[in-house]
């Protein structure tokens, strides 16, 4: 069984996760800047807590997206390093390989 890994597609997936992180982070910033003006005093406190909870949630999602991107890049680098080590090991063995008849 073989496993094919195409570094370009993994890199593109990592970039897409980076873009999601930026988008969700921007949404978190917009939530943070949202005001609670216009609400009555009893509702204003609840609205403020609601906004802070959603801001924290969006920040956590942005961090998770960034973690996915970093994980993909780390995995891609590990695969490339492993492939290079295998190739190098094979070529180091060539002088010791001989045909026996």
N, C-alpha and C. Protein backbone atom coordinates (compact mmCIF):
# COMPACT_ATOMS: atom_id res chain seq x y z
N UNK A 1 0.85 -1.16 0.00
CA UNK A 1 0.00 0.00 0.00
C UNK A 1 0.90 1.23 0.00
N UNK A 2 0.57 2.19 -0.81
CA UNK A 2 1.33 3.43 -0.85
C UNK A 2 0.43 4.59 -0.45
N UNK A 3 1.08 5.61 0.01
CA UNK A 3 0.34 6.81 0.37
C UNK A 3 0.96 7.97 -0.40
N UNK A 4 0.16 8.61 -1.19
CA UNK A 4 0.65 9.74 -1.96
C UNK A 4 0.34 11.03 -1.22
N UNK A 5 1.33 11.88 -1.15
CA UNK A 5 1.17 13.19 -0.52
C UNK A 5 1.67 14.21 -1.51
N UNK A 6 0.84 15.16 -1.80
CA UNK A 6 1.21 16.21 -2.73
C UNK A 6 1.42 17.48 -1.91
N UNK A 7 2.69 17.89 -1.71
CA UNK A 7 2.96 19.04 -0.85
C UNK A 7 2.18 20.29 -1.26
N UNK A 8 1.99 20.49 -2.54
CA UNK A 8 1.28 21.69 -2.98
C UNK A 8 -0.16 21.72 -2.46
N UNK A 9 -0.84 20.57 -2.51
CA UNK A 9 -2.24 20.55 -2.04
C UNK A 9 -2.31 20.72 -0.52
N UNK A 10 -1.34 20.16 0.20
CA UNK A 10 -1.32 20.34 1.65
C UNK A 10 -1.02 21.80 1.98
N UNK A 11 -0.11 22.40 1.23
CA UNK A 11 0.19 23.82 1.41
C UNK A 11 -1.02 24.70 1.13
N UNK A 12 -1.79 24.34 0.11
CA UNK A 12 -2.99 25.12 -0.21
C UNK A 12 -4.03 24.98 0.90
N UNK A 13 -4.16 23.77 1.44
CA UNK A 13 -5.09 23.56 2.55
C UNK A 13 -4.66 24.37 3.77
N UNK A 14 -3.36 24.41 4.05
CA UNK A 14 -2.85 25.20 5.17
C UNK A 14 -3.14 26.68 4.97
N UNK A 15 -2.96 27.13 3.73
CA UNK A 15 -3.24 28.54 3.43
C UNK A 15 -4.72 28.85 3.61
N UNK A 16 -5.58 27.92 3.21
CA UNK A 16 -7.03 28.13 3.39
C UNK A 16 -7.38 28.23 4.87
N UNK A 17 -6.74 27.41 5.71
CA UNK A 17 -6.98 27.50 7.16
C UNK A 17 -6.47 28.84 7.70
N UNK A 18 -5.32 29.31 7.17
CA UNK A 18 -4.82 30.63 7.57
C UNK A 18 -5.82 31.73 7.24
N UNK A 19 -6.40 31.65 6.05
CA UNK A 19 -7.39 32.65 5.63
C UNK A 19 -8.62 32.61 6.53
N UNK A 20 -9.05 31.39 6.90
CA UNK A 20 -10.18 31.28 7.81
C UNK A 20 -9.85 31.89 9.17
N UNK A 21 -8.62 31.67 9.63
CA UNK A 21 -8.20 32.24 10.90
C UNK A 21 -8.28 33.76 10.86
N UNK A 22 -7.81 34.35 9.77
CA UNK A 22 -7.86 35.81 9.63
C UNK A 22 -9.30 36.31 9.57
N UNK A 23 -10.15 35.61 8.83
CA UNK A 23 -11.55 36.02 8.70
C UNK A 23 -12.28 35.94 10.05
N UNK A 24 -12.08 34.84 10.76
CA UNK A 24 -12.76 34.68 12.05
C UNK A 24 -12.17 35.64 13.08
N UNK A 25 -10.86 35.88 13.00
CA UNK A 25 -10.24 36.87 13.89
C UNK A 25 -10.79 38.26 13.65
N UNK A 26 -11.02 38.60 12.37
CA UNK A 26 -11.62 39.90 12.05
C UNK A 26 -13.04 39.98 12.59
N UNK A 27 -13.77 38.89 12.50
CA UNK A 27 -15.13 38.87 13.06
C UNK A 27 -15.08 39.07 14.57
N UNK A 28 -14.10 38.45 15.24
CA UNK A 28 -13.95 38.63 16.69
C UNK A 28 -13.69 40.10 17.01
N UNK A 29 -12.86 40.76 16.19
CA UNK A 29 -12.59 42.18 16.41
C UNK A 29 -13.85 43.02 16.22
N UNK A 30 -14.66 42.67 15.24
CA UNK A 30 -15.90 43.40 15.02
C UNK A 30 -16.87 43.20 16.18
N UNK A 31 -16.92 41.97 16.67
CA UNK A 31 -17.77 41.70 17.83
C UNK A 31 -17.30 42.52 19.03
N UNK A 32 -15.98 42.58 19.22
CA UNK A 32 -15.42 43.32 20.36
C UNK A 32 -15.75 44.80 20.29
N UNK A 33 -15.85 45.32 19.07
CA UNK A 33 -16.12 46.75 18.93
C UNK A 33 -17.61 47.08 18.91
N UNK A 34 -18.44 46.04 18.92
CA UNK A 34 -19.89 46.28 18.93
C UNK A 34 -20.30 46.88 20.26
N UNK A 35 -21.15 47.85 20.20
CA UNK A 35 -21.60 48.52 21.41
C UNK A 35 -22.94 47.98 21.89
N UNK A 36 -23.24 48.33 23.09
CA UNK A 36 -24.53 47.93 23.66
C UNK A 36 -25.41 49.15 23.89
N UNK A 37 -25.02 50.26 23.25
CA UNK A 37 -25.82 51.48 23.37
C UNK A 37 -27.21 51.27 22.78
N UNK A 38 -28.16 51.90 23.35
CA UNK A 38 -29.53 51.79 22.87
C UNK A 38 -30.34 50.79 23.66
N UNK A 39 -29.67 49.96 24.44
CA UNK A 39 -30.39 49.02 25.29
C UNK A 39 -30.70 49.69 26.62
N UNK A 40 -31.73 49.25 27.25
CA UNK A 40 -32.03 49.74 28.59
C UNK A 40 -30.99 49.19 29.56
N UNK A 41 -30.87 49.78 30.72
CA UNK A 41 -29.86 49.38 31.70
C UNK A 41 -29.92 47.90 32.05
N UNK A 42 -31.11 47.33 32.30
CA UNK A 42 -31.13 45.90 32.64
C UNK A 42 -30.68 45.00 31.48
N UNK A 43 -30.94 45.41 30.25
CA UNK A 43 -30.59 44.60 29.09
C UNK A 43 -29.13 44.83 28.68
N UNK A 44 -28.61 46.01 28.93
CA UNK A 44 -27.26 46.36 28.50
C UNK A 44 -26.21 45.41 29.09
N UNK A 45 -26.35 45.05 30.35
CA UNK A 45 -25.39 44.14 30.98
C UNK A 45 -25.42 42.76 30.33
N UNK A 46 -26.62 42.26 30.06
CA UNK A 46 -26.75 40.95 29.41
C UNK A 46 -26.20 41.00 27.99
N UNK A 47 -26.47 42.10 27.29
CA UNK A 47 -25.96 42.24 25.92
C UNK A 47 -24.43 42.30 25.92
N UNK A 48 -23.87 42.98 26.89
CA UNK A 48 -22.42 43.06 27.00
C UNK A 48 -21.81 41.68 27.27
N UNK A 49 -22.40 40.93 28.18
CA UNK A 49 -21.91 39.57 28.45
C UNK A 49 -22.05 38.68 27.22
N UNK A 50 -23.13 38.83 26.49
CA UNK A 50 -23.35 38.07 25.26
C UNK A 50 -22.25 38.38 24.24
N UNK A 51 -21.95 39.67 24.06
CA UNK A 51 -20.90 40.06 23.11
C UNK A 51 -19.54 39.50 23.52
N UNK A 52 -19.21 39.60 24.81
CA UNK A 52 -17.92 39.09 25.27
C UNK A 52 -17.82 37.58 25.06
N UNK A 53 -18.91 36.86 25.33
CA UNK A 53 -18.90 35.41 25.13
C UNK A 53 -18.67 35.07 23.66
N UNK A 54 -19.33 35.78 22.76
CA UNK A 54 -19.14 35.52 21.33
C UNK A 54 -17.75 35.94 20.87
N UNK A 55 -17.23 36.99 21.44
CA UNK A 55 -15.86 37.41 21.10
C UNK A 55 -14.87 36.32 21.49
N UNK A 56 -15.00 35.79 22.71
CA UNK A 56 -14.11 34.72 23.16
C UNK A 56 -14.26 33.48 22.27
N UNK A 57 -15.49 33.17 21.90
CA UNK A 57 -15.74 32.02 21.04
C UNK A 57 -15.08 32.21 19.68
N UNK A 58 -15.25 33.37 19.09
CA UNK A 58 -14.64 33.65 17.78
C UNK A 58 -13.11 33.65 17.87
N UNK A 59 -12.56 34.19 18.94
CA UNK A 59 -11.10 34.16 19.13
C UNK A 59 -10.60 32.72 19.22
N UNK A 60 -11.34 31.88 19.94
CA UNK A 60 -10.95 30.47 20.08
C UNK A 60 -11.03 29.76 18.72
N UNK A 61 -12.05 30.06 17.93
CA UNK A 61 -12.15 29.47 16.60
C UNK A 61 -11.00 29.92 15.70
N UNK A 62 -10.65 31.19 15.77
CA UNK A 62 -9.52 31.70 14.97
C UNK A 62 -8.23 31.00 15.36
N UNK A 63 -8.02 30.81 16.65
CA UNK A 63 -6.81 30.11 17.12
C UNK A 63 -6.82 28.65 16.67
N UNK A 64 -7.98 28.04 16.68
CA UNK A 64 -8.09 26.65 16.22
C UNK A 64 -7.76 26.54 14.73
N UNK A 65 -8.25 27.48 13.94
CA UNK A 65 -7.94 27.50 12.50
C UNK A 65 -6.43 27.65 12.29
N UNK A 66 -5.82 28.53 13.04
CA UNK A 66 -4.37 28.73 12.93
C UNK A 66 -3.62 27.45 13.32
N UNK A 67 -4.12 26.77 14.34
CA UNK A 67 -3.51 25.51 14.77
C UNK A 67 -3.61 24.45 13.68
N UNK A 68 -4.74 24.40 12.99
CA UNK A 68 -4.89 23.45 11.87
C UNK A 68 -3.87 23.75 10.79
N UNK A 69 -3.72 25.02 10.44
CA UNK A 69 -2.76 25.41 9.40
C UNK A 69 -1.34 25.03 9.82
N UNK A 70 -0.99 25.33 11.05
CA UNK A 70 0.36 25.00 11.54
C UNK A 70 0.58 23.49 11.53
N UNK A 71 -0.42 22.73 11.93
CA UNK A 71 -0.32 21.28 11.93
C UNK A 71 -0.12 20.71 10.53
N UNK A 72 -0.83 21.27 9.56
CA UNK A 72 -0.66 20.81 8.18
C UNK A 72 0.75 21.11 7.68
N UNK A 73 1.25 22.30 7.98
CA UNK A 73 2.61 22.64 7.54
C UNK A 73 3.66 21.74 8.22
N UNK A 74 3.46 21.47 9.49
CA UNK A 74 4.39 20.59 10.20
C UNK A 74 4.36 19.19 9.60
N UNK A 75 3.17 18.68 9.33
CA UNK A 75 3.04 17.35 8.73
C UNK A 75 3.69 17.32 7.36
N UNK A 76 3.45 18.34 6.55
CA UNK A 76 4.04 18.40 5.22
C UNK A 76 5.57 18.41 5.31
N UNK A 77 6.12 19.20 6.21
CA UNK A 77 7.57 19.25 6.38
C UNK A 77 8.13 17.92 6.86
N UNK A 78 7.40 17.25 7.76
CA UNK A 78 7.84 15.94 8.22
C UNK A 78 7.86 14.93 7.08
N UNK A 79 6.83 14.94 6.24
CA UNK A 79 6.79 14.03 5.10
C UNK A 79 7.96 14.29 4.15
N UNK A 80 8.21 15.54 3.87
CA UNK A 80 9.30 15.88 2.95
C UNK A 80 10.65 15.48 3.54
N UNK A 81 10.85 15.74 4.83
CA UNK A 81 12.09 15.36 5.50
C UNK A 81 12.27 13.84 5.50
N UNK A 82 11.20 13.12 5.77
CA UNK A 82 11.26 11.65 5.78
C UNK A 82 11.57 11.11 4.39
N UNK A 83 10.93 11.66 3.36
CA UNK A 83 11.20 11.22 1.99
C UNK A 83 12.65 11.50 1.61
N UNK A 84 13.15 12.66 2.00
CA UNK A 84 14.54 13.00 1.68
C UNK A 84 15.51 12.06 2.41
N UNK A 85 15.21 11.72 3.65
CA UNK A 85 16.07 10.80 4.39
C UNK A 85 16.06 9.41 3.75
N UNK A 86 14.89 8.96 3.31
CA UNK A 86 14.80 7.66 2.65
C UNK A 86 15.59 7.67 1.34
N UNK A 87 15.45 8.73 0.57
CA UNK A 87 16.18 8.84 -0.70
C UNK A 87 17.69 8.86 -0.44
N UNK A 88 18.09 9.64 0.52
CA UNK A 88 19.51 9.74 0.86
C UNK A 88 20.05 8.39 1.32
N UNK A 89 19.30 7.70 2.17
CA UNK A 89 19.72 6.39 2.64
C UNK A 89 19.86 5.40 1.50
N UNK A 90 18.95 5.44 0.55
CA UNK A 90 19.01 4.55 -0.62
C UNK A 90 20.29 4.81 -1.41
N UNK A 91 20.59 6.07 -1.68
CA UNK A 91 21.78 6.39 -2.47
C UNK A 91 23.07 6.07 -1.72
N UNK A 92 23.05 6.12 -0.40
CA UNK A 92 24.23 5.72 0.37
C UNK A 92 24.46 4.21 0.32
N UNK A 93 23.40 3.46 0.06
CA UNK A 93 23.53 2.01 -0.04
C UNK A 93 24.03 1.54 -1.41
N UNK A 94 23.86 2.35 -2.42
CA UNK A 94 24.21 1.93 -3.78
C UNK A 94 25.62 1.36 -3.92
N UNK A 95 26.65 1.95 -3.31
CA UNK A 95 27.99 1.38 -3.47
C UNK A 95 28.12 -0.05 -2.92
N UNK A 96 27.24 -0.43 -2.03
CA UNK A 96 27.33 -1.75 -1.40
C UNK A 96 26.46 -2.80 -2.09
N UNK A 97 25.67 -2.36 -3.05
CA UNK A 97 24.79 -3.27 -3.76
C UNK A 97 25.51 -3.82 -4.97
N UNK A 98 25.42 -5.12 -5.16
CA UNK A 98 26.06 -5.74 -6.31
C UNK A 98 25.18 -6.90 -6.78
N UNK A 99 25.30 -7.21 -8.04
CA UNK A 99 24.54 -8.31 -8.61
C UNK A 99 25.35 -9.60 -8.42
N UNK A 100 24.71 -10.62 -7.91
CA UNK A 100 25.35 -11.93 -7.71
C UNK A 100 24.71 -12.93 -8.65
N UNK A 101 25.56 -13.67 -9.36
CA UNK A 101 25.04 -14.72 -10.29
C UNK A 101 25.54 -16.06 -9.91
